[in-house]
Amino acid sequence: MSFRSLSFIGSLAALTVAAAVLSAPSAEAASRDKRFFDSVSGIWKGPGEIVAGKYKGTKFTCNLTGISSSGETGLKLDGTCRVGVFSQPMSAVITQVGNTYQGKFLDGADGKGLDIVSGTVSGNKVVMGINRAKLNGAMVARVQNETAMNITISVKVEDRMIPVIGLSLNREMDADASASLKK
């Protein structure tokens, strides 16, 4: 596996936490969106696997920290994703701009990363549009509960969406945070 493919895997994996926090804005939705960003902030860790393509079967792990923006609706993400002994730093910034969200993972589609081009939420499921050059796709994140999230990243091939990456994240919690969620 090349370092370039690790960078791509990491970019897609970094989308996982961010995917859980994007939704369509309105006056009511903006407040709901901000609460949602706040609720998924924290440390998320877990395994993933490439399920299609040249690197099918490759397993990786990610350690990501999401921090909701204090004054605006958005998310800052930092962490790493690892394949074997190779580790790739991950970063993302997602902000509300007008009636939509914009964002970049790593240095965006113009560099070695990805652009976020759209996002919607319905209940516990978020769908985010992603783009890099001629690659268009979507990420679907399902928040299972306050400590678990599953993500599928798919790319568009002709008229079909083909799943390429699956990831399961768990929130790392200390005893105080765990006790407060049970209240």
C-alpha atoms as a PDB file:
ATOM      1  CA  MET A   1       0.000   0.000   0.000  1.00  0.00           C
ATOM      2  CA  SER A   2       1.410   3.386  -0.945  1.00  0.00           C
ATOM      3  CA  PHE A   3       1.522   6.449   1.278  1.00  0.00           C
ATOM      4  CA  ARG A   4      -0.718   8.201  -1.288  1.00  0.00           C
ATOM      5  CA  SER A   5      -3.459   5.604  -0.780  1.00  0.00           C
ATOM      6  CA  LEU A   6      -3.054   5.974   2.994  1.00  0.00           C
ATOM      7  CA  SER A   7      -3.561   9.715   2.566  1.00  0.00           C
ATOM      8  CA  PHE A   8      -6.747   9.081   0.557  1.00  0.00           C
ATOM      9  CA  ILE A   9      -7.985   6.548   3.138  1.00  0.00           C
ATOM     10  CA  GLY A  10      -7.243   9.002   5.893  1.00  0.00           C
ATOM     11  CA  SER A  11      -9.054  11.806   4.109  1.00  0.00           C
ATOM     12  CA  LEU A  12     -12.116   9.648   3.725  1.00  0.00           C
ATOM     13  CA  ALA A  13     -11.890   8.391   7.294  1.00  0.00           C
ATOM     14  CA  ALA A  14     -11.609  11.932   8.603  1.00  0.00           C
ATOM     15  CA  LEU A  15     -14.942  12.598   6.976  1.00  0.00           C
ATOM     16  CA  THR A  16     -16.522  10.153   9.423  1.00  0.00           C
ATOM     17  CA  VAL A  17     -16.802  12.386  12.406  1.00  0.00           C
ATOM     18  CA  ALA A  18     -17.613  15.367  10.217  1.00  0.00           C
ATOM     19  CA  ALA A  19     -20.362  13.473   8.429  1.00  0.00           C
ATOM     20  CA  ALA A  20     -22.215  13.051  11.661  1.00  0.00           C
ATOM     21  CA  VAL A  21     -22.530  16.779  12.097  1.00  0.00           C
ATOM     22  CA  LEU A  22     -23.768  18.220   8.798  1.00  0.00           C
ATOM     23  CA  SER A  23     -27.398  19.129   8.196  1.00  0.00           C
ATOM     24  CA  ALA A  24     -29.532  21.575   6.225  1.00  0.00           C
ATOM     25  CA  PRO A  25     -29.656  25.031   7.859  1.00  0.00           C
ATOM     26  CA  SER A  26     -32.686  27.207   8.657  1.00  0.00           C
ATOM     27  CA  ALA A  27     -33.468  29.300  11.748  1.00  0.00           C
ATOM     28  CA  GLU A  28     -34.731  26.224  13.595  1.00  0.00           C
ATOM     29  CA  ALA A  29     -32.260  23.875  11.942  1.00  0.00           C
ATOM     30  CA  ALA A  30     -29.312  26.155  12.793  1.00  0.00           C
ATOM     31  CA  SER A  31     -30.028  25.712  16.497  1.00  0.00           C
ATOM     32  CA  ARG A  32     -30.558  21.976  15.968  1.00  0.00           C
ATOM     33  CA  ASP A  33     -27.348  21.779  13.925  1.00  0.00           C
ATOM     34  CA  LYS A  34     -25.354  23.550  16.641  1.00  0.00           C
ATOM     35  CA  ARG A  35     -26.720  21.160  19.283  1.00  0.00           C
ATOM     36  CA  PHE A  36     -25.824  18.232  17.043  1.00  0.00           C
ATOM     37  CA  PHE A  37     -22.247  19.517  16.506  1.00  0.00           C
ATOM     38  CA  ASP A  38     -21.927  19.879  20.259  1.00  0.00           C
ATOM     39  CA  SER A  39     -23.285  16.375  20.872  1.00  0.00           C
ATOM     40  CA  VAL A  40     -20.776  14.618  18.595  1.00  0.00           C
ATOM     41  CA  SER A  41     -17.741  16.560  19.776  1.00  0.00           C
ATOM     42  CA  GLY A  42     -15.174  14.372  21.426  1.00  0.00           C
ATOM     43  CA  ILE A  43     -12.661  11.637  20.809  1.00  0.00           C
ATOM     44  CA  TRP A  44     -13.667   8.890  18.364  1.00  0.00           C
ATOM     45  CA  LYS A  45     -11.628   5.768  17.651  1.00  0.00           C
ATOM     46  CA  GLY A  46     -12.170   2.684  15.599  1.00  0.00           C
ATOM     47  CA  PRO A  47     -11.368   0.288  12.787  1.00  0.00           C
ATOM     48  CA  GLY A  48     -12.170   0.559   9.127  1.00  0.00           C
ATOM     49  CA  GLU A  49     -11.714  -1.446   5.967  1.00  0.00           C
ATOM     50  CA  ILE A  50     -11.507  -0.782   2.264  1.00  0.00           C
ATOM     51  CA  VAL A  51     -14.263  -2.958   0.793  1.00  0.00           C
ATOM     52  CA  ALA A  52     -13.747  -2.358  -2.955  1.00  0.00           C
ATOM     53  CA  GLY A  53     -11.081  -1.383  -5.439  1.00  0.00           C
ATOM     54  CA  LYS A  54      -7.351  -1.896  -5.724  1.00  0.00           C
ATOM     55  CA  TYR A  55      -6.777  -1.977  -1.948  1.00  0.00           C
ATOM     56  CA  LYS A  56      -9.807  -4.112  -1.054  1.00  0.00           C
ATOM     57  CA  GLY A  57      -9.315  -5.858   2.276  1.00  0.00           C
ATOM     58  CA  THR A  58      -6.928  -3.225   3.677  1.00  0.00           C
ATOM     59  CA  LYS A  59      -7.691  -2.560   7.323  1.00  0.00           C
ATOM     60  CA  PHE A  60      -6.911   0.694   9.128  1.00  0.00           C
ATOM     61  CA  THR A  61      -7.675   2.475  12.404  1.00  0.00           C
ATOM     62  CA  CYS A  62      -8.435   6.113  13.123  1.00  0.00           C
ATOM     63  CA  ASN A  63      -8.139   8.283  16.237  1.00  0.00           C
ATOM     64  CA  LEU A  64     -10.047  11.525  15.669  1.00  0.00           C
ATOM     65  CA  THR A  65     -11.010  14.448  17.880  1.00  0.00           C
ATOM     66  CA  GLY A  66     -13.940  16.631  16.849  1.00  0.00           C
ATOM     67  CA  ILE A  67     -14.447  20.072  18.385  1.00  0.00           C
ATOM     68  CA  SER A  68     -17.550  22.092  17.597  1.00  0.00           C
ATOM     69  CA  SER A  69     -16.943  25.720  16.688  1.00  0.00           C
ATOM     70  CA  SER A  70     -17.662  28.038  19.597  1.00  0.00           C
ATOM     71  CA  GLY A  71     -19.219  31.044  17.846  1.00  0.00           C
ATOM     72  CA  GLU A  72     -20.575  29.488  14.671  1.00  0.00           C
ATOM     73  CA  THR A  73     -22.018  26.243  13.446  1.00  0.00           C
ATOM     74  CA  GLY A  74     -19.189  23.994  12.377  1.00  0.00           C
ATOM     75  CA  LEU A  75     -16.521  21.488  13.317  1.00  0.00           C
ATOM     76  CA  LYS A  76     -12.753  21.290  13.581  1.00  0.00           C
ATOM     77  CA  LEU A  77     -11.245  17.828  13.359  1.00  0.00           C
ATOM     78  CA  ASP A  78      -7.742  16.606  14.124  1.00  0.00           C
ATOM     79  CA  GLY A  79      -6.210  13.176  14.516  1.00  0.00           C
ATOM     80  CA  THR A  80      -4.528  10.334  12.675  1.00  0.00           C
ATOM     81  CA  CYS A  81      -5.390   7.255  10.663  1.00  0.00           C
ATOM     82  CA  ARG A  82      -3.008   4.306  10.579  1.00  0.00           C
ATOM     83  CA  VAL A  83      -2.381   1.364   8.253  1.00  0.00           C
ATOM     84  CA  GLY A  84       0.194  -0.973   9.779  1.00  0.00           C
ATOM     85  CA  VAL A  85       3.185   1.123  10.797  1.00  0.00           C
ATOM     86  CA  PHE A  86       2.231   4.071   8.561  1.00  0.00           C
ATOM     87  CA  SER A  87       0.353   6.948  10.155  1.00  0.00           C
ATOM     88  CA  GLN A  88      -1.223   9.928   8.388  1.00  0.00           C
ATOM     89  CA  PRO A  89      -2.221  13.153  10.172  1.00  0.00           C
ATOM     90  CA  MET A  90      -5.850  14.116   9.583  1.00  0.00           C
ATOM     91  CA  SER A  91      -7.476  17.522   9.813  1.00  0.00           C
ATOM     92  CA  ALA A  92     -10.711  19.116   8.697  1.00  0.00           C
ATOM     93  CA  VAL A  93     -12.601  22.364   9.035  1.00  0.00           C
ATOM     94  CA  ILE A  94     -16.305  22.524   8.234  1.00  0.00           C
ATOM     95  CA  THR A  95     -18.367  25.699   8.514  1.00  0.00           C
ATOM     96  CA  GLN A  96     -21.828  26.910   7.681  1.00  0.00           C
ATOM     97  CA  VAL A  97     -21.780  29.338   4.753  1.00  0.00           C
ATOM     98  CA  GLY A  98     -25.165  30.812   3.917  1.00  0.00           C
ATOM     99  CA  ASN A  99     -27.665  27.989   3.470  1.00  0.00           C
ATOM    100  CA  THR A 100     -25.099  25.236   3.124  1.00  0.00           C
ATOM    101  CA  TYR A 101     -21.866  23.833   4.518  1.00  0.00           C
ATOM    102  CA  GLN A 102     -18.425  23.965   2.994  1.00  0.00           C
ATOM    103  CA  GLY A 103     -15.326  22.232   4.134  1.00  0.00           C
ATOM    104  CA  LYS A 104     -11.958  20.765   3.440  1.00  0.00           C
ATOM    105  CA  PHE A 105     -10.177  17.688   4.608  1.00  0.00           C
ATOM    106  CA  LEU A 106      -6.432  18.059   4.703  1.00  0.00           C
ATOM    107  CA  ASP A 107      -5.789  20.765   2.095  1.00  0.00           C
ATOM    108  CA  GLY A 108      -8.961  20.162   0.046  1.00  0.00           C
ATOM    109  CA  ALA A 109      -9.485  18.822  -3.457  1.00  0.00           C
ATOM    110  CA  ASP A 110      -6.939  21.248  -4.911  1.00  0.00           C
ATOM    111  CA  GLY A 111      -4.259  19.555  -2.792  1.00  0.00           C
ATOM    112  CA  LYS A 112      -4.175  16.012  -1.412  1.00  0.00           C
ATOM    113  CA  GLY A 113      -7.560  16.078   0.317  1.00  0.00           C
ATOM    114  CA  LEU A 114     -11.276  16.299  -0.385  1.00  0.00           C
ATOM    115  CA  ASP A 115     -13.911  19.019  -0.498  1.00  0.00           C
ATOM    116  CA  ILE A 116     -17.274  18.792   1.238  1.00  0.00           C
ATOM    117  CA  VAL A 117     -19.870  20.038  -1.228  1.00  0.00           C
ATOM    118  CA  SER A 118     -23.206  19.309   0.507  1.00  0.00           C
ATOM    119  CA  GLY A 119     -24.792  17.744   3.551  1.00  0.00           C
ATOM    120  CA  THR A 120     -28.181  16.762   4.996  1.00  0.00           C
ATOM    121  CA  VAL A 121     -29.403  15.021   8.129  1.00  0.00           C
ATOM    122  CA  SER A 122     -32.503  12.974   8.807  1.00  0.00           C
ATOM    123  CA  GLY A 123     -32.887  11.565  12.293  1.00  0.00           C
ATOM    124  CA  ASN A 124     -29.698   9.704  13.158  1.00  0.00           C
ATOM    125  CA  LYS A 125     -28.439   9.498   9.541  1.00  0.00           C
ATOM    126  CA  VAL A 126     -26.274  12.064   7.752  1.00  0.00           C
ATOM    127  CA  VAL A 127     -25.446  12.088   4.044  1.00  0.00           C
ATOM    128  CA  MET A 128     -22.561  14.252   2.862  1.00  0.00           C
ATOM    129  CA  GLY A 129     -21.473  14.969  -0.714  1.00  0.00           C
ATOM    130  CA  ILE A 130     -17.704  14.767  -1.281  1.00  0.00           C
ATOM    131  CA  ASN A 131     -15.539  15.742  -4.250  1.00  0.00           C
ATOM    132  CA  ARG A 132     -11.972  15.461  -5.492  1.00  0.00           C
ATOM    133  CA  ALA A 133     -11.211  16.200  -9.145  1.00  0.00           C
ATOM    134  CA  LYS A 134     -13.363  13.743 -11.124  1.00  0.00           C
ATOM    135  CA  LEU A 135     -14.236  11.723  -8.024  1.00  0.00           C
ATOM    136  CA  ASN A 136     -17.726  12.387  -6.703  1.00  0.00           C
ATOM    137  CA  GLY A 137     -19.215  10.463  -3.859  1.00  0.00           C
ATOM    138  CA  ALA A 138     -21.129  10.411  -0.645  1.00  0.00           C
ATOM    139  CA  MET A 139     -20.604   9.433   2.915  1.00  0.00           C
ATOM    140  CA  VAL A 140     -23.424   8.093   5.033  1.00  0.00           C
ATOM    141  CA  ALA A 141     -22.944   8.178   8.796  1.00  0.00           C
ATOM    142  CA  ARG A 142     -25.407   6.545  11.156  1.00  0.00           C
ATOM    143  CA  VAL A 143     -25.120   7.526  14.798  1.00  0.00           C
ATOM    144  CA  GLN A 144     -26.153   4.385  16.684  1.00  0.00           C
ATOM    145  CA  ASN A 145     -26.126   6.033  20.121  1.00  0.00           C
ATOM    146  CA  GLU A 146     -24.032   8.589  22.005  1.00  0.00           C
ATOM    147  CA  THR A 147     -20.983   6.296  21.863  1.00  0.00           C
ATOM    148  CA  ALA A 148     -21.138   4.544  18.460  1.00  0.00           C
ATOM    149  CA  MET A 149     -21.194   5.622  14.823  1.00  0.00           C
ATOM    150  CA  ASN A 150     -21.000   3.616  11.562  1.00  0.00           C
ATOM    151  CA  ILE A 151     -19.853   5.157   8.301  1.00  0.00           C
ATOM    152  CA  THR A 152     -19.974   4.048   4.677  1.00  0.00           C
ATOM    153  CA  ILE A 153     -18.148   5.991   1.979  1.00  0.00           C
ATOM    154  CA  SER A 154     -19.235   5.424  -1.604  1.00  0.00           C
ATOM    155  CA  VAL A 155     -18.048   6.758  -4.955  1.00  0.00           C
ATOM    156  CA  LYS A 156     -20.094   7.332  -8.067  1.00  0.00           C
ATOM    157  CA  VAL A 157     -19.259   5.021 -10.961  1.00  0.00           C
ATOM    158  CA  GLU A 158     -21.396   5.815 -13.992  1.00  0.00           C
ATOM    159  CA  ASP A 159     -24.937   5.864 -12.533  1.00  0.00           C
ATOM    160  CA  ARG A 160     -24.245   3.788  -9.410  1.00  0.00           C
ATOM    161  CA  MET A 161     -22.875   4.516  -5.953  1.00  0.00           C
ATOM    162  CA  ILE A 162     -20.295   1.855  -5.037  1.00  0.00           C
ATOM    163  CA  PRO A 163     -19.372   1.444  -1.333  1.00  0.00           C
ATOM    164  CA  VAL A 164     -15.584   1.569  -0.954  1.00  0.00           C
ATOM    165  CA  ILE A 165     -14.892   2.144   2.756  1.00  0.00           C
ATOM    166  CA  GLY A 166     -16.622   1.058   5.959  1.00  0.00           C
ATOM    167  CA  LEU A 167     -15.721   2.426   9.380  1.00  0.00           C
ATOM    168  CA  SER A 168     -17.016   1.880  12.925  1.00  0.00           C
ATOM    169  CA  LEU A 169     -16.152   4.511  15.515  1.00  0.00           C
ATOM    170  CA  ASN A 170     -16.624   4.491  19.265  1.00  0.00           C
ATOM    171  CA  ARG A 171     -16.479   7.550  21.472  1.00  0.00           C
ATOM    172  CA  GLU A 172     -13.704   7.443  24.063  1.00  0.00           C
ATOM    173  CA  MET A 173     -15.135   8.491  27.380  1.00  0.00           C
ATOM    174  CA  ASP A 174     -13.754   8.990  30.847  1.00  0.00           C
ATOM    175  CA  ALA A 175     -15.722   7.913  33.937  1.00  0.00           C
ATOM    176  CA  ASP A 176     -17.192  11.407  34.510  1.00  0.00           C
ATOM    177  CA  ALA A 177     -18.467  11.746  30.926  1.00  0.00           C
ATOM    178  CA  SER A 178     -19.889   8.223  30.970  1.00  0.00           C
ATOM    179  CA  ALA A 179     -21.759   8.897  34.225  1.00  0.00           C
ATOM    180  CA  SER A 180     -23.242  12.164  32.901  1.00  0.00           C
ATOM    181  CA  LEU A 181     -24.637  10.430  29.769  1.00  0.00           C
ATOM    182  CA  LYS A 182     -26.447   7.880  31.944  1.00  0.00           C
ATOM    183  CA  LYS A 183     -28.375  10.579  33.837  1.00  0.00           C
END
